[in-house]
């Protein structure tokens, strides 16, 4: 039986609605899953009116059981949280930020109730989210709080290159302070179980160092000696196939070449930069993104959550020119996890 995948619309003033429509246009989406959009019917209808060449119907529902899941129809859990006629596309607003939060809240509720098999999120805008009074650094933290999960981490993937983070949305100064044995060990374990859930039998886990040259035996910093190496040794004692610490300036090239299945990174940019260098292709001639690929996956949750690996792109919103590739990648990962993972167990 095909899995029901709950897909949030994202910030309705951003590109989330249009890349969702583009993804739902493709027959192949319905061959792999039963896709369900969580958002606002009026937003989808406003795009279909503006772009009449898109031949899709909207089926507004209140529960996944009422979905048709037929190619040519977009099933929408309609929260009626924002008026399409008043929404300023391409602009930050608390109204759009609140709507984006409500979509996420609803899809998490559906997943916890077992009414959808996995969740996929379109981009939200952190400024708009906070203007609306929802004080979170991003999706990952919302999912952590609403699922009562304390130990979770962000994984980025582009093809077979995967990275998972010890810390994400904190300052660089804070990130250094968060490199502690217990947290590094937790993330190594999370990375191991994530790879197993993806069908990798004996994952090879690389752990990046924090400092240049992994500290050069304490010359450039002692975090490797004091925190990272003890975490690696503890993971090895648990039977995990782990390597490191390895210099961050070479480990990603090795992982991309197939030496490792996943890289544990110490902070946000250390993991994001190599993934986005691969997945984000900028067209110099046309002065725009030609391709945006990659997937963001929250690990350690009791439900499945994958996401696009890009922002709301307000400068492109409303034009139907944004690429849906990252959303399609995220849906593919969600389907793969939903097919492989026992829903009774956490995605750890």
C-alpha atoms as a PDB file:
ATOM      1  CA  UNK A   1       0.000   0.000   0.000  1.00  0.00           C
ATOM      2  CA  UNK A   2       1.297   3.464  -0.895  1.00  0.00           C
ATOM      3  CA  UNK A   3       2.236   5.702   2.028  1.00  0.00           C
ATOM      4  CA  UNK A   4       0.439   8.957   2.762  1.00  0.00           C
ATOM      5  CA  UNK A   5       2.996  11.775   2.756  1.00  0.00           C
ATOM      6  CA  UNK A   6       1.918  15.019   4.452  1.00  0.00           C
ATOM      7  CA  UNK A   7       3.544  18.014   2.741  1.00  0.00           C
ATOM      8  CA  UNK A   8       3.335  21.471   4.303  1.00  0.00           C
ATOM      9  CA  UNK A   9       2.863  24.479   2.045  1.00  0.00           C
ATOM     10  CA  UNK A  10       5.594  26.458   3.803  1.00  0.00           C
ATOM     11  CA  UNK A  11       5.389  30.241   4.100  1.00  0.00           C
ATOM     12  CA  UNK A  12       2.496  31.056   1.735  1.00  0.00           C
ATOM     13  CA  UNK A  13       4.256  34.254   0.627  1.00  0.00           C
ATOM     14  CA  UNK A  14       7.310  32.273  -0.506  1.00  0.00           C
ATOM     15  CA  UNK A  15       7.924  29.665  -3.196  1.00  0.00           C
ATOM     16  CA  UNK A  16       6.453  26.753  -1.220  1.00  0.00           C
ATOM     17  CA  UNK A  17       2.994  26.876  -2.830  1.00  0.00           C
ATOM     18  CA  UNK A  18       4.285  26.991  -6.397  1.00  0.00           C
ATOM     19  CA  UNK A  19       6.912  24.257  -6.074  1.00  0.00           C
ATOM     20  CA  UNK A  20       4.249  22.119  -4.407  1.00  0.00           C
ATOM     21  CA  UNK A  21       1.934  22.647  -7.375  1.00  0.00           C
ATOM     22  CA  UNK A  22       4.784  21.775  -9.748  1.00  0.00           C
ATOM     23  CA  UNK A  23       5.487  18.558  -7.850  1.00  0.00           C
ATOM     24  CA  UNK A  24       1.801  17.605  -7.747  1.00  0.00           C
ATOM     25  CA  UNK A  25       1.573  18.097 -11.513  1.00  0.00           C
ATOM     26  CA  UNK A  26       3.762  15.041 -12.099  1.00  0.00           C
ATOM     27  CA  UNK A  27       2.147  11.647 -12.467  1.00  0.00           C
ATOM     28  CA  UNK A  28       5.218   9.935 -11.030  1.00  0.00           C
ATOM     29  CA  UNK A  29       4.522  11.471  -7.619  1.00  0.00           C
ATOM     30  CA  UNK A  30       1.266   9.499  -7.373  1.00  0.00           C
ATOM     31  CA  UNK A  31       2.977   6.294  -8.468  1.00  0.00           C
ATOM     32  CA  UNK A  32       5.286   6.361  -5.418  1.00  0.00           C
ATOM     33  CA  UNK A  33       2.966   7.702  -2.689  1.00  0.00           C
ATOM     34  CA  UNK A  34      -0.333   9.365  -1.760  1.00  0.00           C
ATOM     35  CA  UNK A  35       0.671  13.044  -1.485  1.00  0.00           C
ATOM     36  CA  UNK A  36      -1.309  15.336   0.796  1.00  0.00           C
ATOM     37  CA  UNK A  37      -0.779  19.108   0.953  1.00  0.00           C
ATOM     38  CA  UNK A  38      -1.305  20.802   4.319  1.00  0.00           C
ATOM     39  CA  UNK A  39      -2.008  24.491   3.871  1.00  0.00           C
ATOM     40  CA  UNK A  40      -4.664  26.794   2.467  1.00  0.00           C
ATOM     41  CA  UNK A  41      -6.994  25.980  -0.397  1.00  0.00           C
ATOM     42  CA  UNK A  42      -7.299  29.663  -1.341  1.00  0.00           C
ATOM     43  CA  UNK A  43      -3.552  29.959  -1.904  1.00  0.00           C
ATOM     44  CA  UNK A  44      -3.481  26.991  -4.284  1.00  0.00           C
ATOM     45  CA  UNK A  45      -6.553  28.266  -6.128  1.00  0.00           C
ATOM     46  CA  UNK A  46      -4.985  31.713  -6.531  1.00  0.00           C
ATOM     47  CA  UNK A  47      -2.029  30.141  -8.373  1.00  0.00           C
ATOM     48  CA  UNK A  48      -4.293  28.025 -10.552  1.00  0.00           C
ATOM     49  CA  UNK A  49      -6.253  31.162 -11.497  1.00  0.00           C
ATOM     50  CA  UNK A  50      -3.076  33.107 -12.244  1.00  0.00           C
ATOM     51  CA  UNK A  51      -1.585  30.266 -14.299  1.00  0.00           C
ATOM     52  CA  UNK A  52      -4.557  28.691 -16.142  1.00  0.00           C
ATOM     53  CA  UNK A  53      -2.249  26.462 -18.175  1.00  0.00           C
ATOM     54  CA  UNK A  54      -1.876  24.332 -15.025  1.00  0.00           C
ATOM     55  CA  UNK A  55      -4.671  21.783 -15.305  1.00  0.00           C
ATOM     56  CA  UNK A  56      -5.241  20.730 -11.697  1.00  0.00           C
ATOM     57  CA  UNK A  57      -8.250  20.540  -9.414  1.00  0.00           C
ATOM     58  CA  UNK A  58      -8.309  21.185  -5.672  1.00  0.00           C
ATOM     59  CA  UNK A  59      -9.969  18.806  -3.219  1.00  0.00           C
ATOM     60  CA  UNK A  60     -10.260  20.576   0.144  1.00  0.00           C
ATOM     61  CA  UNK A  61     -10.526  18.115   3.037  1.00  0.00           C
ATOM     62  CA  UNK A  62     -10.261  18.046   6.809  1.00  0.00           C
ATOM     63  CA  UNK A  63      -8.785  14.574   7.304  1.00  0.00           C
ATOM     64  CA  UNK A  64      -6.394  12.398   5.237  1.00  0.00           C
ATOM     65  CA  UNK A  65      -9.031   9.647   4.994  1.00  0.00           C
ATOM     66  CA  UNK A  66     -11.034  11.899   2.660  1.00  0.00           C
ATOM     67  CA  UNK A  67      -8.226  12.306   0.144  1.00  0.00           C
ATOM     68  CA  UNK A  68      -8.746  11.131  -3.446  1.00  0.00           C
ATOM     69  CA  UNK A  69      -5.000  10.748  -4.158  1.00  0.00           C
ATOM     70  CA  UNK A  70      -5.577  10.891  -7.891  1.00  0.00           C
ATOM     71  CA  UNK A  71      -3.249  12.484 -10.400  1.00  0.00           C
ATOM     72  CA  UNK A  72      -4.818  15.736 -11.571  1.00  0.00           C
ATOM     73  CA  UNK A  73      -6.203  16.595  -8.140  1.00  0.00           C
ATOM     74  CA  UNK A  74      -4.396  18.226  -5.236  1.00  0.00           C
ATOM     75  CA  UNK A  75      -5.776  17.021  -1.910  1.00  0.00           C
ATOM     76  CA  UNK A  76      -5.419  19.884   0.598  1.00  0.00           C
ATOM     77  CA  UNK A  77      -5.963  19.833   4.330  1.00  0.00           C
ATOM     78  CA  UNK A  78      -7.441  23.334   4.324  1.00  0.00           C
ATOM     79  CA  UNK A  79      -6.607  25.316   7.459  1.00  0.00           C
ATOM     80  CA  UNK A  80      -8.065  28.568   6.069  1.00  0.00           C
ATOM     81  CA  UNK A  81      -5.408  30.452   8.000  1.00  0.00           C
ATOM     82  CA  UNK A  82      -4.662  33.262   5.558  1.00  0.00           C
ATOM     83  CA  UNK A  83      -6.613  35.170   2.902  1.00  0.00           C
ATOM     84  CA  UNK A  84      -5.010  34.837  -0.528  1.00  0.00           C
ATOM     85  CA  UNK A  85      -6.510  38.184  -1.591  1.00  0.00           C
ATOM     86  CA  UNK A  86      -4.747  40.017   1.231  1.00  0.00           C
ATOM     87  CA  UNK A  87      -1.455  38.121   1.197  1.00  0.00           C
ATOM     88  CA  UNK A  88       1.529  40.066  -0.147  1.00  0.00           C
ATOM     89  CA  UNK A  89       3.521  37.461  -2.065  1.00  0.00           C
ATOM     90  CA  UNK A  90       7.271  37.877  -1.698  1.00  0.00           C
ATOM     91  CA  UNK A  91       7.094  39.853   1.551  1.00  0.00           C
ATOM     92  CA  UNK A  92       7.742  38.987   5.193  1.00  0.00           C
ATOM     93  CA  UNK A  93       4.598  39.155   7.329  1.00  0.00           C
ATOM     94  CA  UNK A  94       3.397  37.834  10.651  1.00  0.00           C
ATOM     95  CA  UNK A  95       0.217  36.546   8.954  1.00  0.00           C
ATOM     96  CA  UNK A  96       2.227  34.342   6.602  1.00  0.00           C
ATOM     97  CA  UNK A  97       4.557  33.324   9.426  1.00  0.00           C
ATOM     98  CA  UNK A  98       1.628  32.243  11.563  1.00  0.00           C
ATOM     99  CA  UNK A  99       0.101  30.274   8.689  1.00  0.00           C
ATOM    100  CA  UNK A 100       3.397  28.481   8.067  1.00  0.00           C
ATOM    101  CA  UNK A 101       3.561  27.505  11.741  1.00  0.00           C
ATOM    102  CA  UNK A 102      -0.011  26.207  11.726  1.00  0.00           C
ATOM    103  CA  UNK A 103       0.753  23.994   8.718  1.00  0.00           C
ATOM    104  CA  UNK A 104       3.704  22.440  10.547  1.00  0.00           C
ATOM    105  CA  UNK A 105       1.727  22.018  13.750  1.00  0.00           C
ATOM    106  CA  UNK A 106      -1.040  20.243  11.840  1.00  0.00           C
ATOM    107  CA  UNK A 107       1.195  17.861   9.901  1.00  0.00           C
ATOM    108  CA  UNK A 108       2.996  16.874  13.117  1.00  0.00           C
ATOM    109  CA  UNK A 109      -0.386  16.199  14.759  1.00  0.00           C
ATOM    110  CA  UNK A 110      -1.412  14.000  11.811  1.00  0.00           C
ATOM    111  CA  UNK A 111       1.865  12.076  11.946  1.00  0.00           C
ATOM    112  CA  UNK A 112       1.677  11.507  15.705  1.00  0.00           C
ATOM    113  CA  UNK A 113      -1.868  10.199  15.254  1.00  0.00           C
ATOM    114  CA  UNK A 114      -0.656   7.846  12.520  1.00  0.00           C
ATOM    115  CA  UNK A 115      -2.850   9.470   9.865  1.00  0.00           C
ATOM    116  CA  UNK A 116       0.129  10.272   7.633  1.00  0.00           C
ATOM    117  CA  UNK A 117       3.175   8.029   7.290  1.00  0.00           C
ATOM    118  CA  UNK A 118       5.769  10.781   6.882  1.00  0.00           C
ATOM    119  CA  UNK A 119       5.989  14.563   6.794  1.00  0.00           C
ATOM    120  CA  UNK A 120       7.732  16.843   4.300  1.00  0.00           C
ATOM    121  CA  UNK A 121       8.164  20.559   4.907  1.00  0.00           C
ATOM    122  CA  UNK A 122       8.414  23.424   2.463  1.00  0.00           C
ATOM    123  CA  UNK A 123      10.447  26.472   3.540  1.00  0.00           C
ATOM    124  CA  UNK A 124       9.301  28.906   6.182  1.00  0.00           C
ATOM    125  CA  UNK A 125      10.777  32.306   6.974  1.00  0.00           C
ATOM    126  CA  UNK A 126      12.318  32.598  10.437  1.00  0.00           C
ATOM    127  CA  UNK A 127      11.680  36.347  10.671  1.00  0.00           C
ATOM    128  CA  UNK A 128       8.012  35.920   9.771  1.00  0.00           C
ATOM    129  CA  UNK A 129       7.716  32.995  12.176  1.00  0.00           C
ATOM    130  CA  UNK A 130       9.026  35.082  15.057  1.00  0.00           C
ATOM    131  CA  UNK A 131       6.933  38.131  14.087  1.00  0.00           C
ATOM    132  CA  UNK A 132       3.918  35.861  14.531  1.00  0.00           C
ATOM    133  CA  UNK A 133       5.018  35.046  18.074  1.00  0.00           C
ATOM    134  CA  UNK A 134       6.406  31.583  17.375  1.00  0.00           C
ATOM    135  CA  UNK A 135       9.910  31.886  18.751  1.00  0.00           C
ATOM    136  CA  UNK A 136      11.780  29.037  17.139  1.00  0.00           C
ATOM    137  CA  UNK A 137      15.041  28.972  15.208  1.00  0.00           C
ATOM    138  CA  UNK A 138      13.427  26.830  12.514  1.00  0.00           C
ATOM    139  CA  UNK A 139      11.557  23.660  11.627  1.00  0.00           C
ATOM    140  CA  UNK A 140      13.939  21.366  13.510  1.00  0.00           C
ATOM    141  CA  UNK A 141      13.267  23.055  16.830  1.00  0.00           C
ATOM    142  CA  UNK A 142       9.489  23.124  16.237  1.00  0.00           C
ATOM    143  CA  UNK A 143       9.494  19.396  15.584  1.00  0.00           C
ATOM    144  CA  UNK A 144      11.612  18.780  18.675  1.00  0.00           C
ATOM    145  CA  UNK A 145       9.234  20.658  20.958  1.00  0.00           C
ATOM    146  CA  UNK A 146       5.957  19.419  19.478  1.00  0.00           C
ATOM    147  CA  UNK A 147       7.096  15.784  19.591  1.00  0.00           C
ATOM    148  CA  UNK A 148       8.642  16.156  23.077  1.00  0.00           C
ATOM    149  CA  UNK A 149      12.030  15.076  21.714  1.00  0.00           C
ATOM    150  CA  UNK A 150      15.249  16.187  23.404  1.00  0.00           C
ATOM    151  CA  UNK A 151      17.886  14.361  21.370  1.00  0.00           C
ATOM    152  CA  UNK A 152      17.548  15.214  17.709  1.00  0.00           C
ATOM    153  CA  UNK A 153      19.790  16.402  14.913  1.00  0.00           C
ATOM    154  CA  UNK A 154      19.649  17.746  11.387  1.00  0.00           C
ATOM    155  CA  UNK A 155      20.849  15.602   8.505  1.00  0.00           C
ATOM    156  CA  UNK A 156      21.471  17.011   5.030  1.00  0.00           C
ATOM    157  CA  UNK A 157      21.712  14.723   2.023  1.00  0.00           C
ATOM    158  CA  UNK A 158      22.460  15.150  -1.649  1.00  0.00           C
ATOM    159  CA  UNK A 159      22.617  11.804  -3.369  1.00  0.00           C
ATOM    160  CA  UNK A 160      24.937   9.597  -1.324  1.00  0.00           C
ATOM    161  CA  UNK A 161      26.644  12.482   0.503  1.00  0.00           C
ATOM    162  CA  UNK A 162      25.109  12.866   3.945  1.00  0.00           C
ATOM    163  CA  UNK A 163      26.017  15.076   6.897  1.00  0.00           C
ATOM    164  CA  UNK A 164      24.570  15.305  10.397  1.00  0.00           C
ATOM    165  CA  UNK A 165      25.199  18.156  12.828  1.00  0.00           C
ATOM    166  CA  UNK A 166      26.228  18.369  16.480  1.00  0.00           C
ATOM    167  CA  UNK A 167      24.722  21.893  16.544  1.00  0.00           C
ATOM    168  CA  UNK A 168      22.862  24.015  14.010  1.00  0.00           C
ATOM    169  CA  UNK A 169      21.103  27.312  14.681  1.00  0.00           C
ATOM    170  CA  UNK A 170      23.389  28.870  17.259  1.00  0.00           C
ATOM    171  CA  UNK A 171      26.252  31.354  17.022  1.00  0.00           C
ATOM    172  CA  UNK A 172      29.676  30.041  16.049  1.00  0.00           C
ATOM    173  CA  UNK A 173      30.926  30.884  19.543  1.00  0.00           C
ATOM    174  CA  UNK A 174      28.121  28.831  21.088  1.00  0.00           C
ATOM    175  CA  UNK A 175      28.714  26.008  18.618  1.00  0.00           C
ATOM    176  CA  UNK A 176      32.271  25.545  19.903  1.00  0.00           C
ATOM    177  CA  UNK A 177      30.985  25.341  23.465  1.00  0.00           C
ATOM    178  CA  UNK A 178      28.445  22.671  22.444  1.00  0.00           C
ATOM    179  CA  UNK A 179      31.106  20.230  21.248  1.00  0.00           C
ATOM    180  CA  UNK A 180      30.878  17.887  24.229  1.00  0.00           C
ATOM    181  CA  UNK A 181      31.467  14.150  24.458  1.00  0.00           C
ATOM    182  CA  UNK A 182      27.872  13.275  25.334  1.00  0.00           C
ATOM    183  CA  UNK A 183      26.383  15.296  22.465  1.00  0.00           C
ATOM    184  CA  UNK A 184      28.924  14.046  19.903  1.00  0.00           C
ATOM    185  CA  UNK A 185      28.235  10.456  20.978  1.00  0.00           C
ATOM    186  CA  UNK A 186      24.477  11.039  20.697  1.00  0.00           C
ATOM    187  CA  UNK A 187      24.874  12.345  17.155  1.00  0.00           C
ATOM    188  CA  UNK A 188      27.116   9.440  16.139  1.00  0.00           C
ATOM    189  CA  UNK A 189      24.389   7.074  17.359  1.00  0.00           C
ATOM    190  CA  UNK A 190      21.689   9.075  15.569  1.00  0.00           C
ATOM    191  CA  UNK A 191      23.754   8.996  12.360  1.00  0.00           C
ATOM    192  CA  UNK A 192      24.280   5.235  12.649  1.00  0.00           C
ATOM    193  CA  UNK A 193      20.576   4.473  13.068  1.00  0.00           C
ATOM    194  CA  UNK A 194      19.603   6.898  10.293  1.00  0.00           C
ATOM    195  CA  UNK A 195      21.813   5.046   7.829  1.00  0.00           C
ATOM    196  CA  UNK A 196      20.429   1.689   8.969  1.00  0.00           C
ATOM    197  CA  UNK A 197      16.914   3.029   8.394  1.00  0.00           C
ATOM    198  CA  UNK A 198      17.987   3.974   4.883  1.00  0.00           C
ATOM    199  CA  UNK A 199      18.989   0.375   4.228  1.00  0.00           C
ATOM    200  CA  UNK A 200      22.751   0.663   4.834  1.00  0.00           C
ATOM    201  CA  UNK A 201      23.673  -2.504   6.712  1.00  0.00           C
ATOM    202  CA  UNK A 202      26.964  -1.478   8.376  1.00  0.00           C
ATOM    203  CA  UNK A 203      27.291   2.301   8.055  1.00  0.00           C
ATOM    204  CA  UNK A 204      30.734   3.886   7.894  1.00  0.00           C
ATOM    205  CA  UNK A 205      30.558   7.046   9.972  1.00  0.00           C
ATOM    206  CA  UNK A 206      33.194   9.761   9.655  1.00  0.00           C
ATOM    207  CA  UNK A 207      33.526  12.359  12.418  1.00  0.00           C
ATOM    208  CA  UNK A 208      34.910  15.750  11.429  1.00  0.00           C
ATOM    209  CA  UNK A 209      37.217  17.656  13.727  1.00  0.00           C
ATOM    210  CA  UNK A 210      36.301  21.096  15.030  1.00  0.00           C
ATOM    211  CA  UNK A 211      39.681  22.795  14.713  1.00  0.00           C
ATOM    212  CA  UNK A 212      42.078  23.164  11.755  1.00  0.00           C
ATOM    213  CA  UNK A 213      43.984  19.889  11.255  1.00  0.00           C
ATOM    214  CA  UNK A 214      41.893  18.423  14.112  1.00  0.00           C
ATOM    215  CA  UNK A 215      43.806  20.600  16.557  1.00  0.00           C
ATOM    216  CA  UNK A 216      47.302  19.260  15.714  1.00  0.00           C
ATOM    217  CA  UNK A 217      47.517  17.368  19.021  1.00  0.00           C
ATOM    218  CA  UNK A 218      46.371  20.367  21.032  1.00  0.00           C
ATOM    219  CA  UNK A 219      48.349  23.034  19.195  1.00  0.00           C
ATOM    220  CA  UNK A 220      45.248  24.609  17.634  1.00  0.00           C
ATOM    221  CA  UNK A 221      42.676  23.619  20.245  1.00  0.00           C
ATOM    222  CA  UNK A 222      41.895  20.719  22.556  1.00  0.00           C
ATOM    223  CA  UNK A 223      38.262  19.878  21.724  1.00  0.00           C
ATOM    224  CA  UNK A 224      39.356  16.839  19.719  1.00  0.00           C
ATOM    225  CA  UNK A 225      41.413  15.473  22.623  1.00  0.00           C
ATOM    226  CA  UNK A 226      38.959  16.366  25.387  1.00  0.00           C
ATOM    227  CA  UNK A 227      35.576  15.681  23.765  1.00  0.00           C
ATOM    228  CA  UNK A 228      35.544  14.263  20.235  1.00  0.00           C
ATOM    229  CA  UNK A 229      38.013  11.377  20.577  1.00  0.00           C
ATOM    230  CA  UNK A 230      36.405  10.113  23.816  1.00  0.00           C
ATOM    231  CA  UNK A 231      33.024  10.144  22.031  1.00  0.00           C
ATOM    232  CA  UNK A 232      34.441   8.173  19.109  1.00  0.00           C
ATOM    233  CA  UNK A 233      36.021   5.629  21.460  1.00  0.00           C
ATOM    234  CA  UNK A 234      32.707   5.228  23.292  1.00  0.00           C
ATOM    235  CA  UNK A 235      30.894   4.683  19.976  1.00  0.00           C
ATOM    236  CA  UNK A 236      33.478   2.087  18.930  1.00  0.00           C
ATOM    237  CA  UNK A 237      32.891   0.237  22.200  1.00  0.00           C
ATOM    238  CA  UNK A 238      29.194   0.045  21.225  1.00  0.00           C
ATOM    239  CA  UNK A 239      30.130  -1.651  17.956  1.00  0.00           C
ATOM    240  CA  UNK A 240      29.596   1.355  15.702  1.00  0.00           C
ATOM    241  CA  UNK A 241      31.811   1.585  12.622  1.00  0.00           C
ATOM    242  CA  UNK A 242      33.186   5.090  13.218  1.00  0.00           C
ATOM    243  CA  UNK A 243      36.304   6.929  11.988  1.00  0.00           C
ATOM    244  CA  UNK A 244      38.011  10.116  13.117  1.00  0.00           C
ATOM    245  CA  UNK A 245      38.339  12.790  14.021  1.00  0.00           C
ATOM    246  CA  UNK A 246      39.131  13.703  10.423  1.00  0.00           C
ATOM    247  CA  UNK A 247      40.124  17.117   9.027  1.00  0.00           C
ATOM    248  CA  UNK A 248      37.056  18.936   7.738  1.00  0.00           C
ATOM    249  CA  UNK A 249      38.893  20.169   4.652  1.00  0.00           C
ATOM    250  CA  UNK A 250      39.222  16.641   3.228  1.00  0.00           C
ATOM    251  CA  UNK A 251      36.575  14.429   4.834  1.00  0.00           C
ATOM    252  CA  UNK A 252      33.715  15.539   2.573  1.00  0.00           C
ATOM    253  CA  UNK A 253      35.660  14.755  -0.575  1.00  0.00           C
ATOM    254  CA  UNK A 254      36.305  11.263   0.770  1.00  0.00           C
ATOM    255  CA  UNK A 255      32.636  10.817   1.708  1.00  0.00           C
ATOM    256  CA  UNK A 256      31.506  11.969  -1.707  1.00  0.00           C
ATOM    257  CA  UNK A 257      33.897   9.458  -3.240  1.00  0.00           C
ATOM    258  CA  UNK A 258      32.281   6.628  -1.288  1.00  0.00           C
ATOM    259  CA  UNK A 259      34.692   6.118   1.616  1.00  0.00           C
ATOM    260  CA  UNK A 260      32.037   7.013   4.229  1.00  0.00           C
ATOM    261  CA  UNK A 261      28.236   6.823   4.353  1.00  0.00           C
ATOM    262  CA  UNK A 262      27.722   9.874   6.554  1.00  0.00           C
ATOM    263  CA  UNK A 263      29.798  12.640   8.163  1.00  0.00           C
ATOM    264  CA  UNK A 264      29.186  13.921  11.685  1.00  0.00           C
ATOM    265  CA  UNK A 265      29.897  17.652  11.556  1.00  0.00           C
ATOM    266  CA  UNK A 266      30.439  19.948  14.502  1.00  0.00           C
ATOM    267  CA  UNK A 267      28.379  22.998  13.506  1.00  0.00           C
ATOM    268  CA  UNK A 268      25.955  24.437  10.951  1.00  0.00           C
ATOM    269  CA  UNK A 269      28.204  25.794   8.203  1.00  0.00           C
ATOM    270  CA  UNK A 270      30.692  22.950   8.408  1.00  0.00           C
ATOM    271  CA  UNK A 271      27.964  20.624   7.139  1.00  0.00           C
ATOM    272  CA  UNK A 272      25.865  22.990   5.045  1.00  0.00           C
ATOM    273  CA  UNK A 273      28.587  24.443   2.841  1.00  0.00           C
ATOM    274  CA  UNK A 274      29.761  21.195   1.167  1.00  0.00           C
ATOM    275  CA  UNK A 275      26.180  20.000   0.600  1.00  0.00           C
ATOM    276  CA  UNK A 276      25.025  23.271  -0.907  1.00  0.00           C
ATOM    277  CA  UNK A 277      28.164  23.584  -2.997  1.00  0.00           C
ATOM    278  CA  UNK A 278      27.104  20.322  -4.643  1.00  0.00           C
ATOM    279  CA  UNK A 279      23.361  20.838  -4.797  1.00  0.00           C
ATOM    280  CA  UNK A 280      22.997  24.553  -5.551  1.00  0.00           C
ATOM    281  CA  UNK A 281      23.967  25.458  -9.119  1.00  0.00           C
ATOM    282  CA  UNK A 282      23.991  29.162  -9.982  1.00  0.00           C
ATOM    283  CA  UNK A 283      23.616  30.227 -13.617  1.00  0.00           C
ATOM    284  CA  UNK A 284      25.944  33.188 -14.177  1.00  0.00           C
ATOM    285  CA  UNK A 285      24.477  34.015 -17.574  1.00  0.00           C
ATOM    286  CA  UNK A 286      20.868  34.216 -16.362  1.00  0.00           C
ATOM    287  CA  UNK A 287      21.831  35.440 -12.881  1.00  0.00           C
ATOM    288  CA  UNK A 288      19.646  32.906 -11.090  1.00  0.00           C
ATOM    289  CA  UNK A 289      19.712  29.462  -9.520  1.00  0.00           C
ATOM    290  CA  UNK A 290      19.643  26.840 -12.253  1.00  0.00           C
ATOM    291  CA  UNK A 291      19.255  23.898  -9.908  1.00  0.00           C
ATOM    292  CA  UNK A 292      18.596  23.535  -6.198  1.00  0.00           C
ATOM    293  CA  UNK A 293      18.785  19.998  -4.835  1.00  0.00           C
ATOM    294  CA  UNK A 294      19.346  18.370  -1.479  1.00  0.00           C
ATOM    295  CA  UNK A 295      17.254  17.233   1.460  1.00  0.00           C
ATOM    296  CA  UNK A 296      17.054  18.229   5.124  1.00  0.00           C
ATOM    297  CA  UNK A 297      16.026  15.404   7.470  1.00  0.00           C
ATOM    298  CA  UNK A 298      15.410  15.687  11.212  1.00  0.00           C
ATOM    299  CA  UNK A 299      16.738  12.616  12.995  1.00  0.00           C
ATOM    300  CA  UNK A 300      15.832  11.331  16.445  1.00  0.00           C
ATOM    301  CA  UNK A 301      12.095  12.062  16.168  1.00  0.00           C
ATOM    302  CA  UNK A 302       9.229   9.620  16.722  1.00  0.00           C
ATOM    303  CA  UNK A 303       7.941  10.611  13.250  1.00  0.00           C
ATOM    304  CA  UNK A 304       9.548  11.048   9.846  1.00  0.00           C
ATOM    305  CA  UNK A 305      10.395  14.570   8.735  1.00  0.00           C
ATOM    306  CA  UNK A 306      12.223  15.552   5.563  1.00  0.00           C
ATOM    307  CA  UNK A 307      12.434  18.989   4.002  1.00  0.00           C
ATOM    308  CA  UNK A 308      13.644  21.044   1.110  1.00  0.00           C
ATOM    309  CA  UNK A 309      17.151  22.349   1.632  1.00  0.00           C
ATOM    310  CA  UNK A 310      16.506  25.978   0.684  1.00  0.00           C
ATOM    311  CA  UNK A 311      14.668  29.046   1.850  1.00  0.00           C
ATOM    312  CA  UNK A 312      11.501  30.882   0.886  1.00  0.00           C
ATOM    313  CA  UNK A 313      13.169  32.752  -2.014  1.00  0.00           C
ATOM    314  CA  UNK A 314      10.826  35.748  -1.768  1.00  0.00           C
ATOM    315  CA  UNK A 315      12.526  37.303  -4.809  1.00  0.00           C
ATOM    316  CA  UNK A 316      11.223  34.435  -6.977  1.00  0.00           C
ATOM    317  CA  UNK A 317       7.842  33.909  -5.338  1.00  0.00           C
ATOM    318  CA  UNK A 318       4.692  34.121  -7.418  1.00  0.00           C
ATOM    319  CA  UNK A 319       6.385  33.632 -10.778  1.00  0.00           C
ATOM    320  CA  UNK A 320       6.233  29.818 -11.085  1.00  0.00           C
ATOM    321  CA  UNK A 321       9.919  29.796 -11.986  1.00  0.00           C
ATOM    322  CA  UNK A 322      11.331  28.218  -8.801  1.00  0.00           C
ATOM    323  CA  UNK A 323      12.768  24.698  -9.018  1.00  0.00           C
ATOM    324  CA  UNK A 324      10.822  21.871  -7.371  1.00  0.00           C
ATOM    325  CA  UNK A 325      13.830  19.495  -7.443  1.00  0.00           C
ATOM    326  CA  UNK A 326      14.676  19.743  -3.749  1.00  0.00           C
ATOM    327  CA  UNK A 327      11.034  19.114  -2.819  1.00  0.00           C
ATOM    328  CA  UNK A 328      10.972  16.037  -5.030  1.00  0.00           C
ATOM    329  CA  UNK A 329      14.202  14.831  -3.386  1.00  0.00           C
ATOM    330  CA  UNK A 330      12.628  15.362   0.052  1.00  0.00           C
ATOM    331  CA  UNK A 331       9.512  13.414  -0.901  1.00  0.00           C
ATOM    332  CA  UNK A 332      11.655  10.561  -2.250  1.00  0.00           C
ATOM    333  CA  UNK A 333      13.572  10.357   1.058  1.00  0.00           C
ATOM    334  CA  UNK A 334      10.311  10.480   3.030  1.00  0.00           C
ATOM    335  CA  UNK A 335       8.873   7.605   1.004  1.00  0.00           C
ATOM    336  CA  UNK A 336      12.069   5.597   1.403  1.00  0.00           C
ATOM    337  CA  UNK A 337      12.066   6.080   5.167  1.00  0.00           C
ATOM    338  CA  UNK A 338       8.333   5.377   5.466  1.00  0.00           C
ATOM    339  CA  UNK A 339       8.787   2.118   3.592  1.00  0.00           C
ATOM    340  CA  UNK A 340      11.808   1.025   5.654  1.00  0.00           C
ATOM    341  CA  UNK A 341      11.097   2.249   9.170  1.00  0.00           C
ATOM    342  CA  UNK A 342       8.773   0.733  11.745  1.00  0.00           C
ATOM    343  CA  UNK A 343       6.438   3.588  12.690  1.00  0.00           C
ATOM    344  CA  UNK A 344       6.442   2.412  16.285  1.00  0.00           C
ATOM    345  CA  UNK A 345      10.146   3.220  16.560  1.00  0.00           C
ATOM    346  CA  UNK A 346      11.757   6.617  16.503  1.00  0.00           C
ATOM    347  CA  UNK A 347      13.711   7.680  13.431  1.00  0.00           C
ATOM    348  CA  UNK A 348      17.008   7.344  15.257  1.00  0.00           C
END
